[in-house]
Amino acid sequence: MLAFFVARAEDFFGAGEMDPATFLYGEEAILSERMARIGRKVYFYPSVRVVHEHGATTKKHFSRIRIRRMKLRSDIYYYRTYRKVKAAEIAAARLTYFLKDITFR
């Protein structure tokens, strides 16, 4: 899970900034897609480490179920909008999510 990225300001603005349809989840994948559209590449540097307390803020303000649902909405938006995944596959993903949600409460 990514929690940190660096981009040149002109590339960030040229790519259209962050997609306002998501919040906190899926942003890195969407920005990667947008960067590719303007001819920029995304690199991963495994030797660089950034200390990040994953979920520290969201866990203070949202329930675990709400966080999972926000992530699901962002993921579905990403796959539908940027990857053109078919509606039937999205429906299967939703069903799988809700079955898991019911099973592991």
N, C-alpha and C. Protein backbone atom coordinates (compact mmCIF):
# COMPACT_ATOMS: atom_id res chain seq x y z
N MET A 1 0.85 -1.17 0.00
CA MET A 1 0.00 0.00 0.00
C MET A 1 0.89 1.24 0.00
N LEU A 2 0.64 2.10 -0.92
CA LEU A 2 1.41 3.34 -0.98
C LEU A 2 0.78 4.40 -0.09
N ALA A 3 1.60 5.25 0.44
CA ALA A 3 1.09 6.33 1.27
C ALA A 3 1.88 7.61 1.04
N PHE A 4 2.70 7.62 0.00
CA PHE A 4 3.58 8.75 -0.19
C PHE A 4 4.00 8.80 -1.66
N PHE A 5 3.99 9.98 -2.25
CA PHE A 5 4.51 10.12 -3.60
C PHE A 5 5.07 11.52 -3.78
N VAL A 6 5.95 11.65 -4.76
CA VAL A 6 6.56 12.93 -5.08
C VAL A 6 6.36 13.16 -6.57
N ALA A 7 5.99 14.38 -6.93
CA ALA A 7 5.81 14.72 -8.35
C ALA A 7 6.23 16.18 -8.55
N ARG A 8 6.74 16.44 -9.74
CA ARG A 8 7.03 17.84 -10.07
C ARG A 8 5.69 18.58 -10.18
N ALA A 9 5.64 19.79 -9.69
CA ALA A 9 4.39 20.57 -9.69
C ALA A 9 3.81 20.69 -11.09
N GLU A 10 4.66 20.97 -12.09
CA GLU A 10 4.12 21.14 -13.44
C GLU A 10 3.52 19.84 -13.97
N ASP A 11 4.08 18.70 -13.59
CA ASP A 11 3.51 17.42 -14.01
C ASP A 11 2.21 17.13 -13.26
N PHE A 12 2.21 17.41 -11.96
CA PHE A 12 1.01 17.21 -11.15
C PHE A 12 -0.16 18.03 -11.71
N PHE A 13 0.08 19.30 -11.98
CA PHE A 13 -0.98 20.14 -12.52
C PHE A 13 -1.31 19.76 -13.96
N GLY A 14 -0.29 19.38 -14.73
CA GLY A 14 -0.51 18.94 -16.10
C GLY A 14 -1.34 17.67 -16.20
N ALA A 15 -1.24 16.83 -15.19
CA ALA A 15 -2.00 15.58 -15.15
C ALA A 15 -3.42 15.79 -14.66
N GLY A 16 -3.73 16.99 -14.22
CA GLY A 16 -5.09 17.27 -13.75
C GLY A 16 -5.27 17.17 -12.26
N GLU A 17 -4.16 17.15 -11.53
CA GLU A 17 -4.18 17.09 -10.07
C GLU A 17 -4.87 15.82 -9.58
N MET A 18 -5.41 15.85 -8.37
CA MET A 18 -6.09 14.68 -7.81
C MET A 18 -7.51 14.61 -8.37
N ASP A 19 -8.01 13.42 -8.52
CA ASP A 19 -9.38 13.23 -8.99
C ASP A 19 -10.32 13.51 -7.82
N PRO A 20 -11.22 14.47 -7.96
CA PRO A 20 -12.09 14.82 -6.84
C PRO A 20 -13.13 13.75 -6.49
N ALA A 21 -13.26 12.72 -7.31
CA ALA A 21 -14.23 11.66 -7.03
C ALA A 21 -13.76 10.68 -5.98
N THR A 22 -12.50 10.76 -5.58
CA THR A 22 -11.98 9.85 -4.55
C THR A 22 -11.48 10.66 -3.36
N PHE A 23 -11.36 9.98 -2.24
CA PHE A 23 -10.82 10.61 -1.04
C PHE A 23 -9.99 9.58 -0.29
N LEU A 24 -8.71 9.81 -0.21
CA LEU A 24 -7.74 9.00 0.52
C LEU A 24 -7.39 7.66 -0.11
N TYR A 25 -8.28 7.05 -0.82
CA TYR A 25 -8.02 5.71 -1.35
C TYR A 25 -8.04 5.74 -2.87
N GLY A 26 -7.09 5.04 -3.47
CA GLY A 26 -7.01 4.96 -4.93
C GLY A 26 -6.33 6.13 -5.59
N GLU A 27 -5.92 7.11 -4.81
CA GLU A 27 -5.35 8.33 -5.39
C GLU A 27 -4.04 8.08 -6.11
N GLU A 28 -3.20 7.21 -5.57
CA GLU A 28 -1.90 6.94 -6.22
C GLU A 28 -2.09 6.26 -7.57
N ALA A 29 -3.00 5.28 -7.63
CA ALA A 29 -3.25 4.58 -8.89
C ALA A 29 -3.82 5.54 -9.93
N ILE A 30 -4.74 6.40 -9.52
CA ILE A 30 -5.34 7.36 -10.44
C ILE A 30 -4.30 8.36 -10.92
N LEU A 31 -3.50 8.86 -10.01
CA LEU A 31 -2.47 9.82 -10.42
C LEU A 31 -1.47 9.16 -11.37
N SER A 32 -1.16 7.89 -11.15
CA SER A 32 -0.28 7.16 -12.07
C SER A 32 -0.88 7.10 -13.46
N GLU A 33 -2.17 6.82 -13.56
CA GLU A 33 -2.85 6.78 -14.85
C GLU A 33 -2.80 8.16 -15.52
N ARG A 34 -3.06 9.19 -14.74
CA ARG A 34 -3.07 10.55 -15.28
C ARG A 34 -1.67 10.99 -15.72
N MET A 35 -0.66 10.59 -14.96
CA MET A 35 0.72 10.91 -15.35
C MET A 35 1.08 10.22 -16.66
N ALA A 36 0.65 8.97 -16.81
CA ALA A 36 0.93 8.24 -18.05
C ALA A 36 0.30 8.94 -19.25
N ARG A 37 -0.86 9.52 -19.07
CA ARG A 37 -1.56 10.22 -20.16
C ARG A 37 -0.78 11.43 -20.66
N ILE A 38 0.05 12.01 -19.79
CA ILE A 38 0.87 13.16 -20.24
C ILE A 38 2.31 12.74 -20.50
N GLY A 39 2.52 11.43 -20.62
CA GLY A 39 3.84 10.93 -20.98
C GLY A 39 4.84 10.81 -19.84
N ARG A 40 4.38 10.83 -18.62
CA ARG A 40 5.26 10.69 -17.47
C ARG A 40 5.19 9.27 -16.94
N LYS A 41 6.27 8.81 -16.38
CA LYS A 41 6.33 7.47 -15.82
C LYS A 41 6.37 7.53 -14.31
N VAL A 42 5.95 6.45 -13.70
CA VAL A 42 5.97 6.33 -12.26
C VAL A 42 7.07 5.34 -11.90
N TYR A 43 7.86 5.69 -10.92
CA TYR A 43 8.97 4.84 -10.49
C TYR A 43 8.81 4.49 -9.03
N PHE A 44 9.29 3.32 -8.71
CA PHE A 44 9.30 2.85 -7.34
C PHE A 44 10.75 2.68 -6.92
N TYR A 45 11.12 3.29 -5.82
CA TYR A 45 12.48 3.20 -5.31
C TYR A 45 12.46 2.43 -3.99
N PRO A 46 12.74 1.12 -4.04
CA PRO A 46 12.64 0.32 -2.81
C PRO A 46 13.69 0.67 -1.75
N SER A 47 14.73 1.40 -2.14
CA SER A 47 15.75 1.75 -1.15
C SER A 47 15.36 2.99 -0.35
N VAL A 48 14.33 3.68 -0.76
CA VAL A 48 13.86 4.87 -0.04
C VAL A 48 12.73 4.45 0.88
N ARG A 49 12.82 4.87 2.12
CA ARG A 49 11.77 4.54 3.10
C ARG A 49 11.19 5.81 3.68
N VAL A 50 9.89 5.83 3.81
CA VAL A 50 9.19 6.94 4.44
C VAL A 50 8.37 6.34 5.57
N VAL A 51 8.54 6.87 6.76
CA VAL A 51 7.78 6.37 7.90
C VAL A 51 6.39 7.01 7.86
N HIS A 52 5.39 6.15 7.87
CA HIS A 52 4.01 6.62 7.77
C HIS A 52 3.15 5.73 8.65
N GLU A 53 2.41 6.33 9.55
CA GLU A 53 1.52 5.56 10.41
C GLU A 53 0.20 5.38 9.66
N HIS A 54 0.14 4.29 8.92
CA HIS A 54 -0.99 4.03 8.03
C HIS A 54 -2.32 3.99 8.80
N GLY A 55 -3.26 4.80 8.36
CA GLY A 55 -4.60 4.80 8.94
C GLY A 55 -4.75 5.53 10.25
N ALA A 56 -3.73 6.22 10.70
CA ALA A 56 -3.79 6.88 12.01
C ALA A 56 -4.94 7.89 12.09
N THR A 57 -5.11 8.70 11.08
CA THR A 57 -6.16 9.72 11.10
C THR A 57 -7.53 9.10 10.85
N THR A 58 -7.65 8.26 9.84
CA THR A 58 -8.96 7.69 9.51
C THR A 58 -9.49 6.83 10.64
N LYS A 59 -8.62 6.09 11.32
CA LYS A 59 -9.08 5.23 12.41
C LYS A 59 -9.62 6.05 13.58
N LYS A 60 -9.17 7.29 13.72
CA LYS A 60 -9.68 8.17 14.78
C LYS A 60 -11.08 8.66 14.47
N HIS A 61 -11.41 8.79 13.19
CA HIS A 61 -12.65 9.45 12.80
C HIS A 61 -13.69 8.54 12.16
N PHE A 62 -13.29 7.38 11.67
CA PHE A 62 -14.22 6.50 10.97
C PHE A 62 -14.14 5.08 11.51
N SER A 63 -15.25 4.37 11.44
CA SER A 63 -15.25 2.96 11.84
C SER A 63 -14.50 2.14 10.79
N ARG A 64 -14.10 0.95 11.18
CA ARG A 64 -13.39 0.06 10.27
C ARG A 64 -14.25 -0.25 9.05
N ILE A 65 -15.53 -0.45 9.26
CA ILE A 65 -16.44 -0.75 8.14
C ILE A 65 -16.55 0.45 7.20
N ARG A 66 -16.66 1.64 7.76
CA ARG A 66 -16.75 2.84 6.90
C ARG A 66 -15.47 3.03 6.08
N ILE A 67 -14.32 2.78 6.69
CA ILE A 67 -13.05 2.89 5.96
C ILE A 67 -13.03 1.88 4.81
N ARG A 68 -13.42 0.65 5.08
CA ARG A 68 -13.44 -0.37 4.02
C ARG A 68 -14.39 0.02 2.89
N ARG A 69 -15.53 0.61 3.23
CA ARG A 69 -16.49 1.02 2.20
C ARG A 69 -15.98 2.21 1.39
N MET A 70 -15.29 3.13 2.04
CA MET A 70 -14.69 4.25 1.30
C MET A 70 -13.65 3.72 0.31
N LYS A 71 -12.85 2.76 0.76
CA LYS A 71 -11.85 2.16 -0.11
C LYS A 71 -12.51 1.43 -1.27
N LEU A 72 -13.57 0.68 -0.99
CA LEU A 72 -14.28 -0.03 -2.05
C LEU A 72 -14.82 0.94 -3.09
N ARG A 73 -15.44 2.03 -2.64
CA ARG A 73 -15.97 3.02 -3.59
C ARG A 73 -14.86 3.60 -4.47
N SER A 74 -13.74 3.92 -3.86
CA SER A 74 -12.62 4.45 -4.64
C SER A 74 -12.08 3.42 -5.62
N ASP A 75 -11.96 2.18 -5.16
CA ASP A 75 -11.46 1.11 -6.04
C ASP A 75 -12.41 0.90 -7.22
N ILE A 76 -13.69 0.85 -6.95
CA ILE A 76 -14.67 0.67 -8.03
C ILE A 76 -14.61 1.84 -9.00
N TYR A 77 -14.53 3.02 -8.48
CA TYR A 77 -14.42 4.20 -9.36
C TYR A 77 -13.18 4.10 -10.24
N TYR A 78 -12.05 3.74 -9.64
CA TYR A 78 -10.80 3.61 -10.40
C TYR A 78 -10.95 2.57 -11.50
N TYR A 79 -11.40 1.39 -11.16
CA TYR A 79 -11.47 0.32 -12.16
C TYR A 79 -12.52 0.62 -13.24
N ARG A 80 -13.63 1.24 -12.86
CA ARG A 80 -14.65 1.57 -13.85
C ARG A 80 -14.18 2.72 -14.75
N THR A 81 -13.62 3.77 -14.18
CA THR A 81 -13.29 4.97 -14.92
C THR A 81 -11.96 4.88 -15.66
N TYR A 82 -10.95 4.35 -15.01
CA TYR A 82 -9.61 4.37 -15.58
C TYR A 82 -9.21 3.06 -16.25
N ARG A 83 -9.77 1.95 -15.82
CA ARG A 83 -9.40 0.65 -16.38
C ARG A 83 -10.50 0.06 -17.25
N LYS A 84 -11.67 0.72 -17.28
CA LYS A 84 -12.81 0.30 -18.12
C LYS A 84 -13.25 -1.14 -17.84
N VAL A 85 -13.26 -1.52 -16.58
CA VAL A 85 -13.71 -2.85 -16.17
C VAL A 85 -15.22 -2.93 -16.39
N LYS A 86 -15.68 -4.07 -16.84
CA LYS A 86 -17.09 -4.28 -17.18
C LYS A 86 -17.97 -4.26 -15.93
N ALA A 87 -19.23 -3.85 -16.13
CA ALA A 87 -20.19 -3.74 -15.03
C ALA A 87 -20.37 -5.07 -14.30
N ALA A 88 -20.37 -6.18 -15.02
CA ALA A 88 -20.54 -7.49 -14.39
C ALA A 88 -19.38 -7.81 -13.44
N GLU A 89 -18.19 -7.42 -13.82
CA GLU A 89 -17.03 -7.65 -12.95
C GLU A 89 -17.09 -6.76 -11.72
N ILE A 90 -17.55 -5.54 -11.90
CA ILE A 90 -17.73 -4.63 -10.76
C ILE A 90 -18.78 -5.20 -9.81
N ALA A 91 -19.88 -5.73 -10.36
CA ALA A 91 -20.93 -6.32 -9.54
C ALA A 91 -20.40 -7.52 -8.76
N ALA A 92 -19.57 -8.34 -9.39
CA ALA A 92 -18.97 -9.49 -8.71
C ALA A 92 -18.07 -9.02 -7.57
N ALA A 93 -17.32 -7.96 -7.80
CA ALA A 93 -16.44 -7.42 -6.76
C ALA A 93 -17.27 -6.91 -5.58
N ARG A 94 -18.35 -6.20 -5.87
CA ARG A 94 -19.24 -5.71 -4.80
C ARG A 94 -19.81 -6.87 -3.99
N LEU A 95 -20.28 -7.90 -4.69
CA LEU A 95 -20.86 -9.06 -4.02
C LEU A 95 -19.83 -9.73 -3.11
N THR A 96 -18.63 -9.91 -3.63
CA THR A 96 -17.55 -10.51 -2.84
C THR A 96 -17.26 -9.67 -1.60
N TYR A 97 -17.21 -8.35 -1.76
CA TYR A 97 -16.96 -7.46 -0.64
C TYR A 97 -18.05 -7.62 0.42
N PHE A 98 -19.33 -7.57 0.00
CA PHE A 98 -20.41 -7.63 0.97
C PHE A 98 -20.49 -9.00 1.65
N LEU A 99 -20.21 -10.08 0.92
CA LEU A 99 -20.19 -11.40 1.54
C LEU A 99 -19.08 -11.47 2.59
N LYS A 100 -17.93 -10.91 2.28
CA LYS A 100 -16.82 -10.89 3.24
C LYS A 100 -17.19 -10.01 4.43
N ASP A 101 -17.84 -8.88 4.17
CA ASP A 101 -18.25 -7.95 5.23
C ASP A 101 -19.21 -8.63 6.19
N ILE A 102 -20.15 -9.38 5.67
CA ILE A 102 -21.14 -10.08 6.50
C ILE A 102 -20.48 -11.21 7.28
N THR A 103 -19.59 -11.94 6.62
CA THR A 103 -18.96 -13.12 7.21
C THR A 103 -18.01 -12.77 8.34
N PHE A 104 -17.25 -11.70 8.21
CA PHE A 104 -16.18 -11.39 9.16
C PHE A 104 -16.52 -10.26 10.13
N ARG A 105 -17.75 -10.05 10.43
CA ARG A 105 -18.13 -9.00 11.39
C ARG A 105 -17.83 -9.41 12.79
